[in-house]
PDB file of N, CA and C in Angstrom:
ATOM      1  N   MET A   1       5.847 188.325  95.737  1.00  0.00           N
ATOM      2  CA  MET A   1       4.586 188.966  95.361  1.00  0.00           C
ATOM      3  C   MET A   1       3.689 187.947  94.659  1.00  0.00           C
ATOM      4  N   PRO A   2       2.478 187.763  95.137  1.00  0.00           N
ATOM      5  CA  PRO A   2       1.572 186.800  94.501  1.00  0.00           C
ATOM      6  C   PRO A   2       1.144 187.288  93.117  1.00  0.00           C
ATOM      7  N   ASN A   3       0.843 186.341  92.262  1.00  0.00           N
ATOM      8  CA  ASN A   3       0.394 186.698  90.920  1.00  0.00           C
ATOM      9  C   ASN A   3      -1.045 187.182  90.992  1.00  0.00           C
ATOM     10  N   PRO A   4      -1.371 188.234  90.237  1.00  0.00           N
ATOM     11  CA  PRO A   4      -2.737 188.750  90.286  1.00  0.00           C
ATOM     12  C   PRO A   4      -3.713 187.751  89.673  1.00  0.00           C
ATOM     13  N   PHE A   5      -4.872 187.648  90.300  1.00  0.00           N
ATOM     14  CA  PHE A   5      -5.901 186.751  89.786  1.00  0.00           C
ATOM     15  C   PHE A   5      -7.259 187.377  90.070  1.00  0.00           C
ATOM     16  N   ALA A   6      -8.132 187.314  89.096  1.00  0.00           N
ATOM     17  CA  ALA A   6      -9.502 187.781  89.290  1.00  0.00           C
ATOM     18  C   ALA A   6     -10.428 186.844  88.527  1.00  0.00           C
ATOM     19  N   ILE A   7     -11.630 186.667  89.069  1.00  0.00           N
ATOM     20  CA  ILE A   7     -12.626 185.823  88.412  1.00  0.00           C
ATOM     21  C   ILE A   7     -13.972 186.518  88.539  1.00  0.00           C
ATOM     22  N   GLN A   8     -14.730 186.461  87.462  1.00  0.00           N
ATOM     23  CA  GLN A   8     -16.038 187.117  87.456  1.00  0.00           C
ATOM     24  C   GLN A   8     -17.015 186.203  86.731  1.00  0.00           C
ATOM     25  N   THR A   9     -18.215 186.073  87.264  1.00  0.00           N
ATOM     26  CA  THR A   9     -19.239 185.246  86.633  1.00  0.00           C
ATOM     27  C   THR A   9     -20.455 186.100  86.309  1.00  0.00           C
ATOM     28  N   THR A  10     -20.918 185.989  85.072  1.00  0.00           N
ATOM     29  CA  THR A  10     -22.153 186.652  84.668  1.00  0.00           C
ATOM     30  C   THR A  10     -23.027 185.615  83.975  1.00  0.00           C
ATOM     31  N   VAL A  11     -24.331 185.858  83.974  1.00  0.00           N
ATOM     32  CA  VAL A  11     -25.263 184.967  83.286  1.00  0.00           C
ATOM     33  C   VAL A  11     -25.983 185.780  82.225  1.00  0.00           C
ATOM     34  N   GLU A  12     -25.917 185.295  80.983  1.00  0.00           N
ATOM     35  CA  GLU A  12     -26.569 185.969  79.855  1.00  0.00           C
ATOM     36  C   GLU A  12     -27.288 184.930  79.007  1.00  0.00           C
ATOM     37  N   ASP A  13     -28.566 185.121  78.811  1.00  0.00           N
ATOM     38  CA  ASP A  13     -29.346 184.236  77.929  1.00  0.00           C
ATOM     39  C   ASP A  13     -29.142 182.755  78.267  1.00  0.00           C
ATOM     40  N   GLY A  14     -29.135 182.438  79.549  1.00  0.00           N
ATOM     41  CA  GLY A  14     -28.999 181.043  79.952  1.00  0.00           C
ATOM     42  C   GLY A  14     -27.579 180.502  79.878  1.00  0.00           C
ATOM     43  N   LEU A  15     -26.624 181.359  79.573  1.00  0.00           N
ATOM     44  CA  LEU A  15     -25.220 180.941  79.517  1.00  0.00           C
ATOM     45  C   LEU A  15     -24.478 181.551  80.702  1.00  0.00           C
ATOM     46  N   SER A  16     -23.678 180.743  81.370  1.00  0.00           N
ATOM     47  CA  SER A  16     -22.825 181.265  82.432  1.00  0.00           C
ATOM     48  C   SER A  16     -21.469 181.598  81.825  1.00  0.00           C
ATOM     49  N   ILE A  17     -21.055 182.834  82.001  1.00  0.00           N
ATOM     50  CA  ILE A  17     -19.769 183.276  81.463  1.00  0.00           C
ATOM     51  C   ILE A  17     -18.833 183.526  82.636  1.00  0.00           C
ATOM     52  N   ILE A  18     -17.791 182.715  82.708  1.00  0.00           N
ATOM     53  CA  ILE A  18     -16.803 182.850  83.769  1.00  0.00           C
ATOM     54  C   ILE A  18     -15.555 183.458  83.136  1.00  0.00           C
ATOM     55  N   THR A  19     -15.207 184.640  83.582  1.00  0.00           N
ATOM     56  CA  THR A  19     -14.063 185.359  83.033  1.00  0.00           C
ATOM     57  C   THR A  19     -12.882 185.221  83.992  1.00  0.00           C
ATOM     58  N   LEU A  20     -11.781 184.724  83.458  1.00  0.00           N
ATOM     59  CA  LEU A  20     -10.565 184.541  84.246  1.00  0.00           C
ATOM     60  C   LEU A  20      -9.561 185.618  83.868  1.00  0.00           C
ATOM     61  N   GLU A  21      -8.841 186.108  84.871  1.00  0.00           N
ATOM     62  CA  GLU A  21      -7.833 187.131  84.606  1.00  0.00           C
ATOM     63  C   GLU A  21      -6.584 186.831  85.424  1.00  0.00           C
ATOM     64  N   GLY A  22      -5.426 186.933  84.784  1.00  0.00           N
ATOM     65  CA  GLY A  22      -4.161 186.752  85.493  1.00  0.00           C
ATOM     66  C   GLY A  22      -3.667 185.320  85.447  1.00  0.00           C
ATOM     67  N   PHE A  23      -3.301 184.795  86.599  1.00  0.00           N
ATOM     68  CA  PHE A  23      -2.695 183.465  86.707  1.00  0.00           C
ATOM     69  C   PHE A  23      -3.639 182.487  87.392  1.00  0.00           C
ATOM     70  N   VAL A  24      -3.868 181.325  86.765  1.00  0.00           N
ATOM     71  CA  VAL A  24      -4.555 180.229  87.452  1.00  0.00           C
ATOM     72  C   VAL A  24      -3.486 179.190  87.754  1.00  0.00           C
ATOM     73  N   ASP A  25      -3.198 179.037  89.031  1.00  0.00           N
ATOM     74  CA  ASP A  25      -2.175 178.080  89.460  1.00  0.00           C
ATOM     75  C   ASP A  25      -2.686 177.333  90.692  1.00  0.00           C
ATOM     76  N   ALA A  26      -1.817 176.639  91.386  1.00  0.00           N
ATOM     77  CA  ALA A  26      -2.236 175.850  92.544  1.00  0.00           C
ATOM     78  C   ALA A  26      -2.912 176.712  93.616  1.00  0.00           C
ATOM     79  N   HIS A  27      -2.540 177.980  93.694  1.00  0.00           N
ATOM     80  CA  HIS A  27      -3.112 178.862  94.713  1.00  0.00           C
ATOM     81  C   HIS A  27      -4.476 179.406  94.315  1.00  0.00           C
ATOM     82  N   THR A  28      -4.696 179.636  93.026  1.00  0.00           N
ATOM     83  CA  THR A  28      -5.939 180.271  92.584  1.00  0.00           C
ATOM     84  C   THR A  28      -6.932 179.285  91.966  1.00  0.00           C
ATOM     85  N   ALA A  29      -6.476 178.096  91.600  1.00  0.00           N
ATOM     86  CA  ALA A  29      -7.375 177.097  90.999  1.00  0.00           C
ATOM     87  C   ALA A  29      -8.588 176.789  91.884  1.00  0.00           C
ATOM     88  N   PRO A  30      -8.438 176.721  93.228  1.00  0.00           N
ATOM     89  CA  PRO A  30      -9.626 176.460  94.052  1.00  0.00           C
ATOM     90  C   PRO A  30     -10.728 177.502  93.890  1.00  0.00           C
ATOM     91  N   GLN A  31     -10.356 178.770  93.664  1.00  0.00           N
ATOM     92  CA  GLN A  31     -11.362 179.811  93.427  1.00  0.00           C
ATOM     93  C   GLN A  31     -12.077 179.559  92.104  1.00  0.00           C
ATOM     94  N   PHE A  32     -11.313 179.167  91.097  1.00  0.00           N
ATOM     95  CA  PHE A  32     -11.883 178.844  89.788  1.00  0.00           C
ATOM     96  C   PHE A  32     -12.832 177.653  89.927  1.00  0.00           C
ATOM     97  N   GLU A  33     -12.369 176.628  90.625  1.00  0.00           N
ATOM     98  CA  GLU A  33     -13.190 175.427  90.821  1.00  0.00           C
ATOM     99  C   GLU A  33     -14.491 175.771  91.546  1.00  0.00           C
ATOM    100  N   SER A  34     -14.393 176.597  92.558  1.00  0.00           N
ATOM    101  CA  SER A  34     -15.568 177.014  93.330  1.00  0.00           C
ATOM    102  C   SER A  34     -16.564 177.759  92.446  1.00  0.00           C
ATOM    103  N   ALA A  35     -16.063 178.617  91.562  1.00  0.00           N
ATOM    104  CA  ALA A  35     -16.940 179.377  90.664  1.00  0.00           C
ATOM    105  C   ALA A  35     -17.682 178.441  89.710  1.00  0.00           C
ATOM    106  N   VAL A  36     -16.967 177.463  89.151  1.00  0.00           N
ATOM    107  CA  VAL A  36     -17.610 176.507  88.240  1.00  0.00           C
ATOM    108  C   VAL A  36     -18.609 175.653  89.023  1.00  0.00           C
ATOM    109  N   GLN A  37     -18.208 175.191  90.201  1.00  0.00           N
ATOM    110  CA  GLN A  37     -19.093 174.354  91.022  1.00  0.00           C
ATOM    111  C   GLN A  37     -20.386 175.086  91.354  1.00  0.00           C
ATOM    112  N   SER A  38     -20.296 176.370  91.654  1.00  0.00           N
ATOM    113  CA  SER A  38     -21.494 177.169  91.966  1.00  0.00           C
ATOM    114  C   SER A  38     -22.467 177.179  90.797  1.00  0.00           C
ATOM    115  N   GLU A  39     -21.932 177.330  89.590  1.00  0.00           N
ATOM    116  CA  GLU A  39     -22.796 177.349  88.401  1.00  0.00           C
ATOM    117  C   GLU A  39     -23.442 175.980  88.183  1.00  0.00           C
ATOM    118  N   VAL A  40     -22.656 174.922  88.288  1.00  0.00           N
ATOM    119  CA  VAL A  40     -23.170 173.557  88.090  1.00  0.00           C
ATOM    120  C   VAL A  40     -24.222 173.238  89.155  1.00  0.00           C
ATOM    121  N   ASP A  41     -23.930 173.600  90.411  1.00  0.00           N
ATOM    122  CA  ASP A  41     -24.880 173.357  91.501  1.00  0.00           C
ATOM    123  C   ASP A  41     -26.198 174.080  91.272  1.00  0.00           C
ATOM    124  N   ALA A  42     -26.130 175.239  90.615  1.00  0.00           N
ATOM    125  CA  ALA A  42     -27.332 176.021  90.326  1.00  0.00           C
ATOM    126  C   ALA A  42     -28.052 175.513  89.073  1.00  0.00           C
ATOM    127  N   GLY A  43     -27.510 174.447  88.468  1.00  0.00           N
ATOM    128  CA  GLY A  43     -28.133 173.876  87.280  1.00  0.00           C
ATOM    129  C   GLY A  43     -27.738 174.568  85.998  1.00  0.00           C
ATOM    130  N   ARG A  44     -26.760 175.448  86.076  1.00  0.00           N
ATOM    131  CA  ARG A  44     -26.297 176.150  84.879  1.00  0.00           C
ATOM    132  C   ARG A  44     -25.100 175.383  84.318  1.00  0.00           C
ATOM    133  N   VAL A  45     -25.343 174.652  83.225  1.00  0.00           N
ATOM    134  CA  VAL A  45     -24.292 173.782  82.672  1.00  0.00           C
ATOM    135  C   VAL A  45     -23.899 174.171  81.249  1.00  0.00           C
ATOM    136  N   ARG A  46     -24.354 175.328  80.820  1.00  0.00           N
ATOM    137  CA  ARG A  46     -23.894 175.884  79.530  1.00  0.00           C
ATOM    138  C   ARG A  46     -22.902 176.973  79.893  1.00  0.00           C
ATOM    139  N   LEU A  47     -21.613 176.589  79.909  1.00  0.00           N
ATOM    140  CA  LEU A  47     -20.566 177.453  80.441  1.00  0.00           C
ATOM    141  C   LEU A  47     -19.626 177.954  79.356  1.00  0.00           C
ATOM    142  N   ILE A  48     -19.314 179.231  79.439  1.00  0.00           N
ATOM    143  CA  ILE A  48     -18.268 179.821  78.603  1.00  0.00           C
ATOM    144  C   ILE A  48     -17.179 180.279  79.560  1.00  0.00           C
ATOM    145  N   ILE A  49     -15.976 179.791  79.356  1.00  0.00           N
ATOM    146  CA  ILE A  49     -14.844 180.243  80.153  1.00  0.00           C
ATOM    147  C   ILE A  49     -14.049 181.202  79.277  1.00  0.00           C
ATOM    148  N   ASP A  50     -14.115 182.482  79.634  1.00  0.00           N
ATOM    149  CA  ASP A  50     -13.446 183.529  78.849  1.00  0.00           C
ATOM    150  C   ASP A  50     -12.034 183.717  79.399  1.00  0.00           C
ATOM    151  N   CYS A  51     -11.062 183.392  78.573  1.00  0.00           N
ATOM    152  CA  CYS A  51      -9.648 183.424  78.982  1.00  0.00           C
ATOM    153  C   CYS A  51      -8.877 184.569  78.341  1.00  0.00           C
ATOM    154  N   GLU A  52      -9.599 185.565  77.843  1.00  0.00           N
ATOM    155  CA  GLU A  52      -8.952 186.671  77.137  1.00  0.00           C
ATOM    156  C   GLU A  52      -7.885 187.363  77.992  1.00  0.00           C
ATOM    157  N   LYS A  53      -8.139 187.464  79.296  1.00  0.00           N
ATOM    158  CA  LYS A  53      -7.194 188.151  80.191  1.00  0.00           C
ATOM    159  C   LYS A  53      -6.376 187.163  81.023  1.00  0.00           C
ATOM    160  N   LEU A  54      -6.433 185.886  80.654  1.00  0.00           N
ATOM    161  CA  LEU A  54      -5.671 184.860  81.368  1.00  0.00           C
ATOM    162  C   LEU A  54      -4.267 184.814  80.781  1.00  0.00           C
ATOM    163  N   SER A  55      -3.261 185.001  81.627  1.00  0.00           N
ATOM    164  CA  SER A  55      -1.892 185.019  81.115  1.00  0.00           C
ATOM    165  C   SER A  55      -1.120 183.742  81.414  1.00  0.00           C
ATOM    166  N   TYR A  56      -1.659 182.904  82.322  1.00  0.00           N
ATOM    167  CA  TYR A  56      -0.959 181.657  82.662  1.00  0.00           C
ATOM    168  C   TYR A  56      -1.950 180.684  83.286  1.00  0.00           C
ATOM    169  N   ILE A  57      -1.797 179.405  82.952  1.00  0.00           N
ATOM    170  CA  ILE A  57      -2.587 178.368  83.614  1.00  0.00           C
ATOM    171  C   ILE A  57      -1.672 177.184  83.887  1.00  0.00           C
ATOM    172  N   SER A  58      -1.750 176.667  85.111  1.00  0.00           N
ATOM    173  CA  SER A  58      -0.929 175.514  85.497  1.00  0.00           C
ATOM    174  C   SER A  58      -1.755 174.243  85.357  1.00  0.00           C
ATOM    175  N   SER A  59      -1.133 173.115  85.652  1.00  0.00           N
ATOM    176  CA  SER A  59      -1.849 171.843  85.603  1.00  0.00           C
ATOM    177  C   SER A  59      -3.024 171.847  86.581  1.00  0.00           C
ATOM    178  N   ALA A  60      -2.901 172.555  87.692  1.00  0.00           N
ATOM    179  CA  ALA A  60      -4.014 172.646  88.642  1.00  0.00           C
ATOM    180  C   ALA A  60      -5.219 173.327  87.993  1.00  0.00           C
ATOM    181  N   GLY A  61      -4.958 174.370  87.224  1.00  0.00           N
ATOM    182  CA  GLY A  61      -6.039 175.060  86.525  1.00  0.00           C
ATOM    183  C   GLY A  61      -6.658 174.198  85.441  1.00  0.00           C
ATOM    184  N   LEU A  62      -5.801 173.489  84.702  1.00  0.00           N
ATOM    185  CA  LEU A  62      -6.303 172.584  83.664  1.00  0.00           C
ATOM    186  C   LEU A  62      -7.158 171.490  84.291  1.00  0.00           C
ATOM    187  N   GLY A  63      -6.769 171.066  85.480  1.00  0.00           N
ATOM    188  CA  GLY A  63      -7.513 170.027  86.179  1.00  0.00           C
ATOM    189  C   GLY A  63      -8.936 170.433  86.509  1.00  0.00           C
ATOM    190  N   VAL A  64      -9.140 171.733  86.745  1.00  0.00           N
ATOM    191  CA  VAL A  64     -10.500 172.214  87.028  1.00  0.00           C
ATOM    192  C   VAL A  64     -11.402 171.946  85.821  1.00  0.00           C
ATOM    193  N   PHE A  65     -10.909 172.240  84.625  1.00  0.00           N
ATOM    194  CA  PHE A  65     -11.694 171.960  83.413  1.00  0.00           C
ATOM    195  C   PHE A  65     -12.030 170.470  83.343  1.00  0.00           C
ATOM    196  N   MET A  66     -11.015 169.643  83.572  1.00  0.00           N
ATOM    197  CA  MET A  66     -11.199 168.191  83.452  1.00  0.00           C
ATOM    198  C   MET A  66     -12.166 167.651  84.502  1.00  0.00           C
ATOM    199  N   SER A  67     -12.165 168.255  85.688  1.00  0.00           N
ATOM    200  CA  SER A  67     -13.008 167.724  86.755  1.00  0.00           C
ATOM    201  C   SER A  67     -14.495 167.983  86.519  1.00  0.00           C
ATOM    202  N   PHE A  68     -14.839 168.892  85.615  1.00  0.00           N
ATOM    203  CA  PHE A  68     -16.253 169.209  85.383  1.00  0.00           C
ATOM    204  C   PHE A  68     -16.807 168.756  84.040  1.00  0.00           C
ATOM    205  N   ILE A  69     -15.947 168.498  83.055  1.00  0.00           N
ATOM    206  CA  ILE A  69     -16.461 168.278  81.700  1.00  0.00           C
ATOM    207  C   ILE A  69     -17.435 167.099  81.624  1.00  0.00           C
ATOM    208  N   GLU A  70     -17.132 166.009  82.305  1.00  0.00           N
ATOM    209  CA  GLU A  70     -18.005 164.837  82.234  1.00  0.00           C
ATOM    210  C   GLU A  70     -19.371 165.122  82.856  1.00  0.00           C
ATOM    211  N   GLU A  71     -19.365 165.722  84.043  1.00  0.00           N
ATOM    212  CA  GLU A  71     -20.626 166.032  84.727  1.00  0.00           C
ATOM    213  C   GLU A  71     -21.474 166.998  83.908  1.00  0.00           C
ATOM    214  N   VAL A  72     -20.832 168.012  83.339  1.00  0.00           N
ATOM    215  CA  VAL A  72     -21.551 168.995  82.532  1.00  0.00           C
ATOM    216  C   VAL A  72     -22.178 168.318  81.304  1.00  0.00           C
ATOM    217  N   HIS A  73     -21.415 167.442  80.639  1.00  0.00           N
ATOM    218  CA  HIS A  73     -21.957 166.725  79.484  1.00  0.00           C
ATOM    219  C   HIS A  73     -23.109 165.814  79.893  1.00  0.00           C
ATOM    220  N   GLU A  74     -22.973 165.121  81.029  1.00  0.00           N
ATOM    221  CA  GLU A  74     -24.044 164.239  81.498  1.00  0.00           C
ATOM    222  C   GLU A  74     -25.332 165.005  81.759  1.00  0.00           C
ATOM    223  N   ARG A  75     -25.199 166.260  82.139  1.00  0.00           N
ATOM    224  CA  ARG A  75     -26.371 167.089  82.420  1.00  0.00           C
ATOM    225  C   ARG A  75     -26.857 167.818  81.168  1.00  0.00           C
ATOM    226  N   GLY A  76     -26.293 167.494  80.018  1.00  0.00           N
ATOM    227  CA  GLY A  76     -26.744 168.081  78.765  1.00  0.00           C
ATOM    228  C   GLY A  76     -26.141 169.437  78.452  1.00  0.00           C
ATOM    229  N   GLY A  77     -25.085 169.805  79.151  1.00  0.00           N
ATOM    230  CA  GLY A  77     -24.446 171.090  78.917  1.00  0.00           C
ATOM    231  C   GLY A  77     -23.118 170.944  78.211  1.00  0.00           C
ATOM    232  N   ASP A  78     -22.350 172.019  78.216  1.00  0.00           N
ATOM    233  CA  ASP A  78     -21.023 171.999  77.610  1.00  0.00           C
ATOM    234  C   ASP A  78     -20.195 173.133  78.224  1.00  0.00           C
ATOM    235  N   ILE A  79     -18.881 172.982  78.078  1.00  0.00           N
ATOM    236  CA  ILE A  79     -17.947 174.029  78.483  1.00  0.00           C
ATOM    237  C   ILE A  79     -17.208 174.460  77.228  1.00  0.00           C
ATOM    238  N   LYS A  80     -17.346 175.727  76.889  1.00  0.00           N
ATOM    239  CA  LYS A  80     -16.636 176.270  75.727  1.00  0.00           C
ATOM    240  C   LYS A  80     -15.607 177.279  76.248  1.00  0.00           C
ATOM    241  N   ILE A  81     -14.427 177.227  75.669  1.00  0.00           N
ATOM    242  CA  ILE A  81     -13.322 178.081  76.097  1.00  0.00           C
ATOM    243  C   ILE A  81     -13.098 179.123  75.009  1.00  0.00           C
ATOM    244  N   CYS A  82     -12.961 180.376  75.404  1.00  0.00           N
ATOM    245  CA  CYS A  82     -12.742 181.405  74.382  1.00  0.00           C
ATOM    246  C   CYS A  82     -11.669 182.390  74.811  1.00  0.00           C
ATOM    247  N   GLY A  83     -11.140 183.102  73.810  1.00  0.00           N
ATOM    248  CA  GLY A  83     -10.229 184.205  74.046  1.00  0.00           C
ATOM    249  C   GLY A  83      -8.832 183.824  74.482  1.00  0.00           C
ATOM    250  N   LEU A  84      -8.395 182.627  74.142  1.00  0.00           N
ATOM    251  CA  LEU A  84      -7.071 182.185  74.596  1.00  0.00           C
ATOM    252  C   LEU A  84      -5.944 182.970  73.927  1.00  0.00           C
ATOM    253  N   VAL A  85      -5.036 183.502  74.717  1.00  0.00           N
ATOM    254  CA  VAL A  85      -3.834 184.126  74.158  1.00  0.00           C
ATOM    255  C   VAL A  85      -2.927 182.991  73.687  1.00  0.00           C
ATOM    256  N   PRO A  86      -2.059 183.241  72.699  1.00  0.00           N
ATOM    257  CA  PRO A  86      -1.262 182.147  72.109  1.00  0.00           C
ATOM    258  C   PRO A  86      -0.513 181.273  73.120  1.00  0.00           C
ATOM    259  N   LYS A  87       0.110 181.877  74.114  1.00  0.00           N
ATOM    260  CA  LYS A  87       0.893 181.091  75.078  1.00  0.00           C
ATOM    261  C   LYS A  87       0.000 180.124  75.855  1.00  0.00           C
ATOM    262  N   VAL A  88      -1.157 180.614  76.285  1.00  0.00           N
ATOM    263  CA  VAL A  88      -2.086 179.774  77.050  1.00  0.00           C
ATOM    264  C   VAL A  88      -2.728 178.738  76.130  1.00  0.00           C
ATOM    265  N   LYS A  89      -3.062 179.144  74.914  1.00  0.00           N
ATOM    266  CA  LYS A  89      -3.662 178.210  73.952  1.00  0.00           C
ATOM    267  C   LYS A  89      -2.703 177.051  73.692  1.00  0.00           C
ATOM    268  N   HIS A  90      -1.424 177.354  73.605  1.00  0.00           N
ATOM    269  CA  HIS A  90      -0.413 176.324  73.387  1.00  0.00           C
ATOM    270  C   HIS A  90      -0.446 175.296  74.524  1.00  0.00           C
ATOM    271  N   THR A  91      -0.574 175.764  75.755  1.00  0.00           N
ATOM    272  CA  THR A  91      -0.666 174.870  76.914  1.00  0.00           C
ATOM    273  C   THR A  91      -1.872 173.945  76.768  1.00  0.00           C
ATOM    274  N   PHE A  92      -3.024 174.495  76.391  1.00  0.00           N
ATOM    275  CA  PHE A  92      -4.232 173.705  76.211  1.00  0.00           C
ATOM    276  C   PHE A  92      -4.029 172.654  75.105  1.00  0.00           C
ATOM    277  N   GLU A  93      -3.363 173.057  74.033  1.00  0.00           N
ATOM    278  CA  GLU A  93      -3.155 172.141  72.902  1.00  0.00           C
ATOM    279  C   GLU A  93      -2.189 171.012  73.259  1.00  0.00           C
ATOM    280  N   ILE A  94      -1.160 171.319  74.042  1.00  0.00           N
ATOM    281  CA  ILE A  94      -0.190 170.287  74.431  1.00  0.00           C
ATOM    282  C   ILE A  94      -0.892 169.135  75.146  1.00  0.00           C
ATOM    283  N   VAL A  95      -1.863 169.465  76.002  1.00  0.00           N
ATOM    284  CA  VAL A  95      -2.555 168.420  76.768  1.00  0.00           C
ATOM    285  C   VAL A  95      -3.780 167.861  76.038  1.00  0.00           C
ATOM    286  N   GLY A  96      -4.020 168.322  74.811  1.00  0.00           N
ATOM    287  CA  GLY A  96      -5.078 167.730  73.984  1.00  0.00           C
ATOM    288  C   GLY A  96      -6.481 168.246  74.246  1.00  0.00           C
ATOM    289  N   PHE A  97      -6.595 169.447  74.806  1.00  0.00           N
ATOM    290  CA  PHE A  97      -7.918 169.980  75.127  1.00  0.00           C
ATOM    291  C   PHE A  97      -8.784 170.204  73.895  1.00  0.00           C
ATOM    292  N   GLN A  98      -8.163 170.437  72.735  1.00  0.00           N
ATOM    293  CA  GLN A  98      -8.968 170.715  71.545  1.00  0.00           C
ATOM    294  C   GLN A  98      -9.839 169.518  71.168  1.00  0.00           C
ATOM    295  N   GLY A  99      -9.508 168.329  71.670  1.00  0.00           N
ATOM    296  CA  GLY A  99     -10.346 167.161  71.423  1.00  0.00           C
ATOM    297  C   GLY A  99     -11.530 167.066  72.372  1.00  0.00           C
ATOM    298  N   LEU A 100     -11.484 167.777  73.494  1.00  0.00           N
ATOM    299  CA  LEU A 100     -12.535 167.700  74.514  1.00  0.00           C
ATOM    300  C   LEU A 100     -13.385 168.958  74.596  1.00  0.00           C
ATOM    301  N   PHE A 101     -12.764 170.079  74.298  1.00  0.00           N
ATOM    302  CA  PHE A 101     -13.426 171.375  74.469  1.00  0.00           C
ATOM    303  C   PHE A 101     -13.405 172.134  73.152  1.00  0.00           C
ATOM    304  N   GLU A 102     -14.493 172.848  72.900  1.00  0.00           N
ATOM    305  CA  GLU A 102     -14.503 173.747  71.758  1.00  0.00           C
ATOM    306  C   GLU A 102     -13.787 175.020  72.193  1.00  0.00           C
ATOM    307  N   MET A 103     -12.746 175.386  71.446  1.00  0.00           N
ATOM    308  CA  MET A 103     -11.981 176.588  71.759  1.00  0.00           C
ATOM    309  C   MET A 103     -12.272 177.624  70.679  1.00  0.00           C
ATOM    310  N   LEU A 104     -12.853 178.743  71.096  1.00  0.00           N
ATOM    311  CA  LEU A 104     -13.316 179.748  70.157  1.00  0.00           C
ATOM    312  C   LEU A 104     -12.576 181.062  70.335  1.00  0.00           C
ATOM    313  N   GLU A 105     -12.703 181.896  69.312  1.00  0.00           N
ATOM    314  CA  GLU A 105     -11.958 183.147  69.257  1.00  0.00           C
ATOM    315  C   GLU A 105     -12.343 184.104  70.386  1.00  0.00           C
ATOM    316  N   ASN A 106     -13.665 184.241  70.633  1.00  0.00           N
ATOM    317  CA  ASN A 106     -14.131 185.222  71.609  1.00  0.00           C
ATOM    318  C   ASN A 106     -15.509 184.833  72.137  1.00  0.00           C
ATOM    319  N   GLN A 107     -16.033 185.638  73.058  1.00  0.00           N
ATOM    320  CA  GLN A 107     -17.345 185.348  73.659  1.00  0.00           C
ATOM    321  C   GLN A 107     -18.450 185.288  72.616  1.00  0.00           C
ATOM    322  N   THR A 108     -18.404 186.183  71.651  1.00  0.00           N
ATOM    323  CA  THR A 108     -19.439 186.202  70.611  1.00  0.00           C
ATOM    324  C   THR A 108     -19.482 184.865  69.875  1.00  0.00           C
ATOM    325  N   ALA A 109     -18.309 184.355  69.493  1.00  0.00           N
ATOM    326  CA  ALA A 109     -18.251 183.063  68.785  1.00  0.00           C
ATOM    327  C   ALA A 109     -18.738 181.933  69.689  1.00  0.00           C
ATOM    328  N   ALA A 110     -18.418 181.990  70.977  1.00  0.00           N
ATOM    329  CA  ALA A 110     -18.861 180.960  71.911  1.00  0.00           C
ATOM    330  C   ALA A 110     -20.377 180.986  72.064  1.00  0.00           C
ATOM    331  N   LYS A 111     -20.952 182.181  72.155  1.00  0.00           N
ATOM    332  CA  LYS A 111     -22.408 182.313  72.271  1.00  0.00           C
ATOM    333  C   LYS A 111     -23.087 181.786  71.011  1.00  0.00           C
ATOM    334  N   GLN A 112     -22.494 182.110  69.841  1.00  0.00           N
ATOM    335  CA  GLN A 112     -23.070 181.628  68.573  1.00  0.00           C
ATOM    336  C   GLN A 112     -22.988 180.097  68.504  1.00  0.00           C
ATOM    337  N   SER A 113     -21.908 179.532  69.011  1.00  0.00           N
ATOM    338  CA  SER A 113     -21.751 178.092  69.008  1.00  0.00           C
ATOM    339  C   SER A 113     -22.830 177.432  69.858  1.00  0.00           C
ATOM    340  N   PHE A 114     -23.117 178.006  71.027  1.00  0.00           N
ATOM    341  CA  PHE A 114     -24.204 177.466  71.863  1.00  0.00           C
ATOM    342  C   PHE A 114     -25.544 177.618  71.152  1.00  0.00           C
ATOM    343  N   ALA A 115     -25.763 178.748  70.506  1.00  0.00           N
ATOM    344  CA  ALA A 115     -27.031 178.990  69.821  1.00  0.00           C
ATOM    345  C   ALA A 115     -27.245 177.981  68.697  1.00  0.00           C
ATOM    346  N   ALA A 116     -26.142 177.568  68.073  1.00  0.00           N
ATOM    347  CA  ALA A 116     -26.241 176.637  66.946  1.00  0.00           C
ATOM    348  C   ALA A 116     -26.424 175.189  67.403  1.00  0.00           C
ATOM    349  N   SER A 117     -26.106 174.898  68.671  1.00  0.00           N
ATOM    350  CA  SER A 117     -26.191 173.494  69.113  1.00  0.00           C
ATOM    351  C   SER A 117     -27.499 173.188  69.810  1.00  0.00           C
TER     352      SER A 117
END
């Protein structure tokens, strides 16, 4: 049985909010990558990745974040990650994401962080 995965993108106040749900692994990472690429291609580089409903992320999923961070920064944007459950947050911390990405409690905190920058 495949692991459930859902992705949803909304735009609010110039911020693209990509909500991930379920498992991001080698099978679902391309959908995640496509969603981020669509936002970047549209010139939307202020991204919030909401991981509140994300229960697992593999190296393939982590790679999606890494493949966009430089381009987004070059275009004057940022990627903020919010809503990490402890198990997933631990994965992000092991690979040192806290040095590259702002990891916030929830969407509200991520929006406030963009407003302050």
